[in-house]
Amino acid sequence: MSTAVGIVIVAVIVIVPTYLVWLLASSIRETRRTENLRKLWPNFALGIVLCGLFFISWSTQAAAEWRKYVQDQRDHGSPVEAGEFVIVFGEATLQNWQSEFLEAFALVVFTSMYLHHGSAESKDSEDRIEQKLDKVVEKLGA
């Protein structure tokens, strides 16, 4: 594998998580400046928990990949090199992220195209509720 590809792989697996954590931290800092500190956990609990779960699962994947890489290197009589492992781990990570991003992208696109009318997310259900409320108000004479 070329060095340029390895550099791109390492750059992506470093830049993407760093950017996402920076966004979360920036949002938290902005909220701390403008709002009550008691709102931090309710407002950011999901992001903080998912960030933690991401890093736990990613480090677990790294440990499993390391074990597999070391075993493969031993089986082939090759030396274990940390730099080579980072590239192997980066490839595995990018393959995983590719499938997850494709799934999320498809979900967003299909949801926007084929939103079920009458569902809680659909605008038409709000319109029907407003119409019913207007009828109730009309009958009450208010």
N, C-alpha and C. Protein backbone atom coordinates (compact mmCIF):
# COMPACT_ATOMS: atom_id res chain seq x y z
N MET A 1 0.84 -1.17 0.00
CA MET A 1 0.00 0.00 0.00
C MET A 1 0.89 1.23 0.00
N SER A 2 0.46 2.25 -0.73
CA SER A 2 1.29 3.44 -0.83
C SER A 2 1.21 4.27 0.44
N THR A 3 2.25 5.04 0.64
CA THR A 3 2.33 5.91 1.82
C THR A 3 1.25 6.98 1.78
N ALA A 4 0.92 7.47 0.59
CA ALA A 4 -0.09 8.51 0.46
C ALA A 4 -1.45 8.01 0.93
N VAL A 5 -1.79 6.77 0.57
CA VAL A 5 -3.06 6.19 1.00
C VAL A 5 -3.07 6.04 2.52
N GLY A 6 -1.95 5.59 3.08
CA GLY A 6 -1.85 5.46 4.53
C GLY A 6 -2.02 6.79 5.23
N ILE A 7 -1.44 7.84 4.69
CA ILE A 7 -1.58 9.17 5.29
C ILE A 7 -3.03 9.64 5.24
N VAL A 8 -3.70 9.40 4.12
CA VAL A 8 -5.11 9.79 4.00
C VAL A 8 -5.96 9.02 5.01
N ILE A 9 -5.72 7.73 5.14
CA ILE A 9 -6.48 6.91 6.08
C ILE A 9 -6.30 7.42 7.50
N VAL A 10 -5.05 7.64 7.89
CA VAL A 10 -4.78 8.13 9.25
C VAL A 10 -5.40 9.50 9.45
N ALA A 11 -5.28 10.37 8.46
CA ALA A 11 -5.86 11.71 8.58
C ALA A 11 -7.37 11.64 8.79
N VAL A 12 -8.04 10.81 8.04
CA VAL A 12 -9.51 10.71 8.16
C VAL A 12 -9.90 10.15 9.52
N ILE A 13 -9.24 9.09 9.98
CA ILE A 13 -9.66 8.51 11.25
C ILE A 13 -9.27 9.38 12.44
N VAL A 14 -8.40 10.36 12.24
CA VAL A 14 -8.08 11.31 13.30
C VAL A 14 -8.98 12.55 13.20
N ILE A 15 -9.16 13.06 12.00
CA ILE A 15 -9.88 14.32 11.81
C ILE A 15 -11.37 14.18 12.10
N VAL A 16 -12.01 13.12 11.63
CA VAL A 16 -13.47 12.99 11.80
C VAL A 16 -13.87 12.94 13.28
N PRO A 17 -13.30 12.03 14.10
CA PRO A 17 -13.70 12.03 15.52
C PRO A 17 -13.31 13.33 16.24
N THR A 18 -12.15 13.89 15.89
CA THR A 18 -11.73 15.14 16.52
C THR A 18 -12.71 16.25 16.22
N TYR A 19 -13.15 16.35 14.98
CA TYR A 19 -14.11 17.39 14.59
C TYR A 19 -15.44 17.20 15.31
N LEU A 20 -15.92 15.96 15.41
CA LEU A 20 -17.20 15.71 16.07
C LEU A 20 -17.13 16.02 17.57
N VAL A 21 -16.03 15.66 18.21
CA VAL A 21 -15.86 15.98 19.64
C VAL A 21 -15.74 17.49 19.82
N TRP A 22 -15.04 18.15 18.91
CA TRP A 22 -14.92 19.61 18.97
C TRP A 22 -16.29 20.28 18.84
N LEU A 23 -17.13 19.78 17.94
CA LEU A 23 -18.48 20.34 17.79
C LEU A 23 -19.29 20.18 19.08
N LEU A 24 -19.23 19.01 19.68
CA LEU A 24 -19.95 18.77 20.93
C LEU A 24 -19.42 19.69 22.02
N ALA A 25 -18.11 19.78 22.15
CA ALA A 25 -17.52 20.64 23.19
C ALA A 25 -17.85 22.11 22.94
N SER A 26 -17.85 22.55 21.70
CA SER A 26 -18.20 23.94 21.38
C SER A 26 -19.64 24.24 21.75
N SER A 27 -20.53 23.31 21.46
CA SER A 27 -21.94 23.50 21.81
C SER A 27 -22.12 23.58 23.32
N ILE A 28 -21.40 22.73 24.03
CA ILE A 28 -21.49 22.75 25.49
C ILE A 28 -20.95 24.06 26.04
N ARG A 29 -19.80 24.52 25.52
CA ARG A 29 -19.24 25.80 25.97
C ARG A 29 -20.19 26.95 25.71
N GLU A 30 -20.81 26.96 24.54
CA GLU A 30 -21.75 28.03 24.19
C GLU A 30 -22.96 28.02 25.12
N THR A 31 -23.46 26.84 25.43
CA THR A 31 -24.59 26.72 26.34
C THR A 31 -24.21 27.16 27.74
N ARG A 32 -23.00 26.84 28.18
CA ARG A 32 -22.54 27.26 29.51
C ARG A 32 -22.50 28.77 29.62
N ARG A 33 -22.16 29.46 28.52
CA ARG A 33 -22.09 30.92 28.54
C ARG A 33 -23.46 31.56 28.56
N THR A 34 -24.43 30.94 27.91
CA THR A 34 -25.72 31.61 27.72
C THR A 34 -26.84 31.07 28.59
N GLU A 35 -26.71 29.87 29.13
CA GLU A 35 -27.82 29.27 29.86
C GLU A 35 -27.38 28.76 31.22
N ASN A 36 -28.36 28.29 31.96
CA ASN A 36 -28.13 27.72 33.28
C ASN A 36 -27.35 26.41 33.16
N LEU A 37 -26.41 26.20 34.07
CA LEU A 37 -25.60 24.99 34.05
C LEU A 37 -26.43 23.73 34.27
N ARG A 38 -27.57 23.86 34.90
CA ARG A 38 -28.43 22.69 35.14
C ARG A 38 -28.99 22.11 33.85
N LYS A 39 -28.98 22.90 32.79
CA LYS A 39 -29.52 22.43 31.51
C LYS A 39 -28.48 21.67 30.69
N LEU A 40 -27.24 21.66 31.13
CA LEU A 40 -26.21 21.00 30.34
C LEU A 40 -26.48 19.51 30.16
N TRP A 41 -26.71 18.80 31.27
CA TRP A 41 -26.92 17.36 31.15
C TRP A 41 -28.18 17.03 30.36
N PRO A 42 -29.32 17.64 30.66
CA PRO A 42 -30.51 17.30 29.85
C PRO A 42 -30.34 17.65 28.36
N ASN A 43 -29.63 18.73 28.08
CA ASN A 43 -29.47 19.14 26.69
C ASN A 43 -28.42 18.32 25.93
N PHE A 44 -27.42 17.82 26.64
CA PHE A 44 -26.30 17.18 25.95
C PHE A 44 -26.08 15.74 26.38
N ALA A 45 -26.96 15.16 27.16
CA ALA A 45 -26.76 13.80 27.65
C ALA A 45 -26.62 12.80 26.50
N LEU A 46 -27.48 12.90 25.51
CA LEU A 46 -27.42 11.96 24.39
C LEU A 46 -26.08 12.06 23.67
N GLY A 47 -25.64 13.26 23.38
CA GLY A 47 -24.37 13.44 22.69
C GLY A 47 -23.19 12.94 23.51
N ILE A 48 -23.19 13.23 24.81
CA ILE A 48 -22.10 12.80 25.68
C ILE A 48 -22.07 11.28 25.79
N VAL A 49 -23.23 10.68 26.00
CA VAL A 49 -23.28 9.22 26.13
C VAL A 49 -22.88 8.54 24.82
N LEU A 50 -23.39 9.02 23.69
CA LEU A 50 -23.03 8.42 22.40
C LEU A 50 -21.55 8.62 22.08
N CYS A 51 -20.99 9.75 22.47
CA CYS A 51 -19.56 9.99 22.27
C CYS A 51 -18.75 8.97 23.09
N GLY A 52 -19.15 8.78 24.33
CA GLY A 52 -18.48 7.78 25.18
C GLY A 52 -18.60 6.38 24.62
N LEU A 53 -19.81 6.01 24.19
CA LEU A 53 -20.01 4.68 23.60
C LEU A 53 -19.19 4.50 22.32
N PHE A 54 -19.11 5.56 21.54
CA PHE A 54 -18.30 5.50 20.32
C PHE A 54 -16.85 5.18 20.64
N PHE A 55 -16.27 5.92 21.60
CA PHE A 55 -14.86 5.70 21.91
C PHE A 55 -14.62 4.37 22.60
N ILE A 56 -15.58 3.91 23.38
CA ILE A 56 -15.45 2.58 23.98
C ILE A 56 -15.47 1.50 22.90
N SER A 57 -16.42 1.59 21.99
CA SER A 57 -16.51 0.57 20.93
C SER A 57 -15.33 0.67 19.98
N TRP A 58 -14.85 1.88 19.71
CA TRP A 58 -13.72 2.05 18.80
C TRP A 58 -12.44 1.49 19.42
N SER A 59 -12.25 1.72 20.72
CA SER A 59 -11.06 1.17 21.37
C SER A 59 -11.15 -0.35 21.47
N THR A 60 -12.36 -0.88 21.65
CA THR A 60 -12.53 -2.33 21.65
C THR A 60 -12.22 -2.91 20.27
N GLN A 61 -12.67 -2.22 19.23
CA GLN A 61 -12.34 -2.65 17.88
C GLN A 61 -10.83 -2.60 17.66
N ALA A 62 -10.17 -1.57 18.17
CA ALA A 62 -8.71 -1.46 18.02
C ALA A 62 -8.01 -2.63 18.70
N ALA A 63 -8.46 -2.99 19.91
CA ALA A 63 -7.84 -4.11 20.63
C ALA A 63 -8.03 -5.41 19.85
N ALA A 64 -9.24 -5.62 19.32
CA ALA A 64 -9.50 -6.85 18.55
C ALA A 64 -8.68 -6.86 17.26
N GLU A 65 -8.60 -5.73 16.60
CA GLU A 65 -7.81 -5.64 15.37
C GLU A 65 -6.33 -5.87 15.66
N TRP A 66 -5.84 -5.32 16.78
CA TRP A 66 -4.44 -5.51 17.15
C TRP A 66 -4.13 -6.98 17.34
N ARG A 67 -5.01 -7.66 18.06
CA ARG A 67 -4.80 -9.10 18.31
C ARG A 67 -4.78 -9.88 17.00
N LYS A 68 -5.71 -9.57 16.12
CA LYS A 68 -5.77 -10.24 14.82
C LYS A 68 -4.53 -9.91 13.99
N TYR A 69 -4.11 -8.65 14.00
CA TYR A 69 -2.95 -8.22 13.23
C TYR A 69 -1.68 -8.94 13.71
N VAL A 70 -1.49 -8.99 15.03
CA VAL A 70 -0.31 -9.65 15.59
C VAL A 70 -0.30 -11.13 15.20
N GLN A 71 -1.47 -11.77 15.30
CA GLN A 71 -1.55 -13.19 14.94
C GLN A 71 -1.25 -13.40 13.46
N ASP A 72 -1.79 -12.55 12.60
CA ASP A 72 -1.51 -12.66 11.16
C ASP A 72 -0.03 -12.47 10.87
N GLN A 73 0.59 -11.50 11.53
CA GLN A 73 2.01 -11.25 11.31
C GLN A 73 2.84 -12.45 11.77
N ARG A 74 2.48 -13.03 12.90
CA ARG A 74 3.20 -14.21 13.39
C ARG A 74 3.03 -15.39 12.45
N ASP A 75 1.81 -15.59 11.95
CA ASP A 75 1.53 -16.70 11.04
C ASP A 75 2.38 -16.61 9.77
N HIS A 76 2.64 -15.38 9.32
CA HIS A 76 3.40 -15.18 8.09
C HIS A 76 4.88 -14.91 8.36
N GLY A 77 5.27 -14.92 9.62
CA GLY A 77 6.67 -14.69 9.95
C GLY A 77 7.13 -13.27 9.70
N SER A 78 6.21 -12.33 9.72
CA SER A 78 6.53 -10.93 9.47
C SER A 78 6.65 -10.17 10.79
N PRO A 79 7.39 -9.07 10.79
CA PRO A 79 7.51 -8.29 12.02
C PRO A 79 6.22 -7.51 12.30
N VAL A 80 5.96 -7.29 13.56
CA VAL A 80 4.80 -6.50 13.98
C VAL A 80 5.23 -5.03 14.00
N GLU A 81 4.58 -4.21 13.17
CA GLU A 81 4.92 -2.80 13.06
C GLU A 81 3.69 -1.96 13.39
N ALA A 82 3.85 -1.04 14.31
CA ALA A 82 2.74 -0.21 14.74
C ALA A 82 2.20 0.64 13.59
N GLY A 83 3.10 1.17 12.76
CA GLY A 83 2.66 2.00 11.64
C GLY A 83 1.79 1.23 10.66
N GLU A 84 2.19 0.02 10.38
CA GLU A 84 1.39 -0.83 9.48
C GLU A 84 0.04 -1.16 10.11
N PHE A 85 0.05 -1.40 11.44
CA PHE A 85 -1.21 -1.69 12.13
C PHE A 85 -2.17 -0.52 12.05
N VAL A 86 -1.66 0.70 12.20
CA VAL A 86 -2.54 1.88 12.13
C VAL A 86 -3.24 1.94 10.78
N ILE A 87 -2.53 1.60 9.73
CA ILE A 87 -3.14 1.60 8.40
C ILE A 87 -4.19 0.49 8.29
N VAL A 88 -3.88 -0.70 8.78
CA VAL A 88 -4.84 -1.81 8.75
C VAL A 88 -6.08 -1.45 9.57
N PHE A 89 -5.85 -0.90 10.76
CA PHE A 89 -6.97 -0.50 11.62
C PHE A 89 -7.77 0.62 10.96
N GLY A 90 -7.09 1.55 10.32
CA GLY A 90 -7.78 2.63 9.62
C GLY A 90 -8.66 2.12 8.49
N GLU A 91 -8.15 1.14 7.74
CA GLU A 91 -8.96 0.55 6.66
C GLU A 91 -10.22 -0.10 7.22
N ALA A 92 -10.06 -0.86 8.30
CA ALA A 92 -11.22 -1.51 8.91
C ALA A 92 -12.22 -0.48 9.44
N THR A 93 -11.70 0.57 10.04
CA THR A 93 -12.57 1.63 10.56
C THR A 93 -13.33 2.32 9.43
N LEU A 94 -12.62 2.66 8.36
CA LEU A 94 -13.28 3.35 7.25
C LEU A 94 -14.31 2.47 6.56
N GLN A 95 -14.05 1.17 6.46
CA GLN A 95 -15.06 0.27 5.90
C GLN A 95 -16.31 0.26 6.77
N ASN A 96 -16.12 0.24 8.08
CA ASN A 96 -17.25 0.25 9.00
C ASN A 96 -18.00 1.57 8.88
N TRP A 97 -17.29 2.68 8.90
CA TRP A 97 -17.94 3.99 8.80
C TRP A 97 -18.65 4.15 7.47
N GLN A 98 -18.07 3.63 6.40
CA GLN A 98 -18.69 3.75 5.09
C GLN A 98 -20.07 3.11 5.09
N SER A 99 -20.17 1.91 5.64
CA SER A 99 -21.47 1.24 5.65
C SER A 99 -22.46 1.97 6.56
N GLU A 100 -21.98 2.50 7.69
CA GLU A 100 -22.88 3.21 8.60
C GLU A 100 -23.35 4.53 8.00
N PHE A 101 -22.45 5.28 7.35
CA PHE A 101 -22.84 6.54 6.74
C PHE A 101 -23.80 6.30 5.57
N LEU A 102 -23.57 5.23 4.81
CA LEU A 102 -24.48 4.90 3.72
C LEU A 102 -25.87 4.60 4.27
N GLU A 103 -25.92 3.84 5.36
CA GLU A 103 -27.20 3.51 5.98
C GLU A 103 -27.91 4.77 6.48
N ALA A 104 -27.19 5.64 7.16
CA ALA A 104 -27.79 6.88 7.68
C ALA A 104 -28.24 7.78 6.53
N PHE A 105 -27.43 7.88 5.48
CA PHE A 105 -27.79 8.70 4.33
C PHE A 105 -29.05 8.17 3.66
N ALA A 106 -29.11 6.85 3.48
CA ALA A 106 -30.30 6.25 2.87
C ALA A 106 -31.54 6.49 3.73
N LEU A 107 -31.39 6.39 5.04
CA LEU A 107 -32.52 6.63 5.94
C LEU A 107 -33.03 8.06 5.81
N VAL A 108 -32.12 9.02 5.76
CA VAL A 108 -32.52 10.43 5.63
C VAL A 108 -33.20 10.67 4.29
N VAL A 109 -32.61 10.15 3.21
CA VAL A 109 -33.17 10.37 1.88
C VAL A 109 -34.54 9.71 1.75
N PHE A 110 -34.65 8.45 2.15
CA PHE A 110 -35.93 7.76 2.02
C PHE A 110 -36.99 8.36 2.93
N THR A 111 -36.60 8.80 4.10
CA THR A 111 -37.57 9.43 5.00
C THR A 111 -38.09 10.72 4.39
N SER A 112 -37.21 11.50 3.80
CA SER A 112 -37.67 12.75 3.20
C SER A 112 -38.52 12.50 1.95
N MET A 113 -38.26 11.41 1.24
CA MET A 113 -39.01 11.12 0.03
C MET A 113 -40.33 10.40 0.30
N TYR A 114 -40.31 9.50 1.27
CA TYR A 114 -41.46 8.63 1.48
C TYR A 114 -42.02 8.75 2.88
N LEU A 115 -42.16 9.97 3.37
CA LEU A 115 -42.70 10.17 4.70
C LEU A 115 -44.13 9.67 4.75
N HIS A 116 -44.43 8.84 5.72
CA HIS A 116 -45.75 8.24 5.86
C HIS A 116 -46.74 9.31 6.30
N HIS A 117 -47.72 9.58 5.46
CA HIS A 117 -48.72 10.59 5.80
C HIS A 117 -49.57 10.07 6.95
N GLY A 118 -49.77 10.94 7.92
CA GLY A 118 -50.54 10.56 9.09
C GLY A 118 -49.65 10.13 10.25
N SER A 119 -48.35 9.99 10.01
CA SER A 119 -47.45 9.61 11.10
C SER A 119 -47.17 10.83 11.99
N ALA A 120 -46.55 10.59 13.11
CA ALA A 120 -46.26 11.68 14.04
C ALA A 120 -45.34 12.71 13.41
N GLU A 121 -44.47 12.29 12.48
CA GLU A 121 -43.53 13.21 11.85
C GLU A 121 -44.14 13.98 10.68
N SER A 122 -45.31 13.56 10.25
CA SER A 122 -45.91 14.13 9.06
C SER A 122 -46.63 15.43 9.37
N LYS A 123 -46.49 16.40 8.47
CA LYS A 123 -47.15 17.70 8.64
C LYS A 123 -48.66 17.55 8.56
N ASP A 124 -49.15 16.60 7.76
CA ASP A 124 -50.59 16.48 7.60
C ASP A 124 -51.29 16.09 8.90
N SER A 125 -50.61 15.37 9.79
CA SER A 125 -51.25 15.04 11.06
C SER A 125 -51.44 16.29 11.90
N GLU A 126 -50.50 17.24 11.83
CA GLU A 126 -50.65 18.50 12.53
C GLU A 126 -51.81 19.31 11.94
N ASP A 127 -51.93 19.28 10.63
CA ASP A 127 -53.03 20.00 9.98
C ASP A 127 -54.38 19.43 10.41
N ARG A 128 -54.46 18.09 10.50
CA ARG A 128 -55.72 17.48 10.92
C ARG A 128 -56.05 17.83 12.37
N ILE A 129 -55.04 17.86 13.22
CA ILE A 129 -55.28 18.24 14.62
C ILE A 129 -55.77 19.67 14.70
N GLU A 130 -55.16 20.56 13.94
CA GLU A 130 -55.59 21.96 13.93
C GLU A 130 -57.03 22.08 13.42
N GLN A 131 -57.38 21.32 12.39
CA GLN A 131 -58.75 21.35 11.88
C GLN A 131 -59.74 20.87 12.94
N LYS A 132 -59.40 19.80 13.65
CA LYS A 132 -60.28 19.29 14.70
C LYS A 132 -60.41 20.29 15.84
N LEU A 133 -59.30 20.91 16.20
CA LEU A 133 -59.36 21.93 17.25
C LEU A 133 -60.21 23.12 16.82
N ASP A 134 -60.11 23.51 15.56
CA ASP A 134 -60.95 24.60 15.06
C ASP A 134 -62.43 24.23 15.12
N LYS A 135 -62.77 22.97 14.82
CA LYS A 135 -64.16 22.53 14.91
C LYS A 135 -64.64 22.55 16.34
N VAL A 136 -63.79 22.11 17.28
CA VAL A 136 -64.18 22.12 18.69
C VAL A 136 -64.40 23.54 19.16
N VAL A 137 -63.50 24.44 18.81
CA VAL A 137 -63.65 25.85 19.19
C VAL A 137 -64.91 26.44 18.57
N GLU A 138 -65.20 26.08 17.34
CA GLU A 138 -66.39 26.58 16.65
C GLU A 138 -67.65 26.08 17.35
N LYS A 139 -67.67 24.81 17.75
CA LYS A 139 -68.85 24.25 18.42
C LYS A 139 -69.03 24.86 19.81
N LEU A 140 -67.94 25.18 20.47
CA LEU A 140 -68.03 25.79 21.79
C LEU A 140 -68.40 27.26 21.70
N GLY A 141 -68.27 27.80 20.53
CA GLY A 141 -68.64 29.19 20.33
C GLY A 141 -67.64 30.18 20.89
N ALA A 142 -66.42 29.74 21.04
CA ALA A 142 -65.41 30.64 21.61
C ALA A 142 -64.76 31.47 20.55
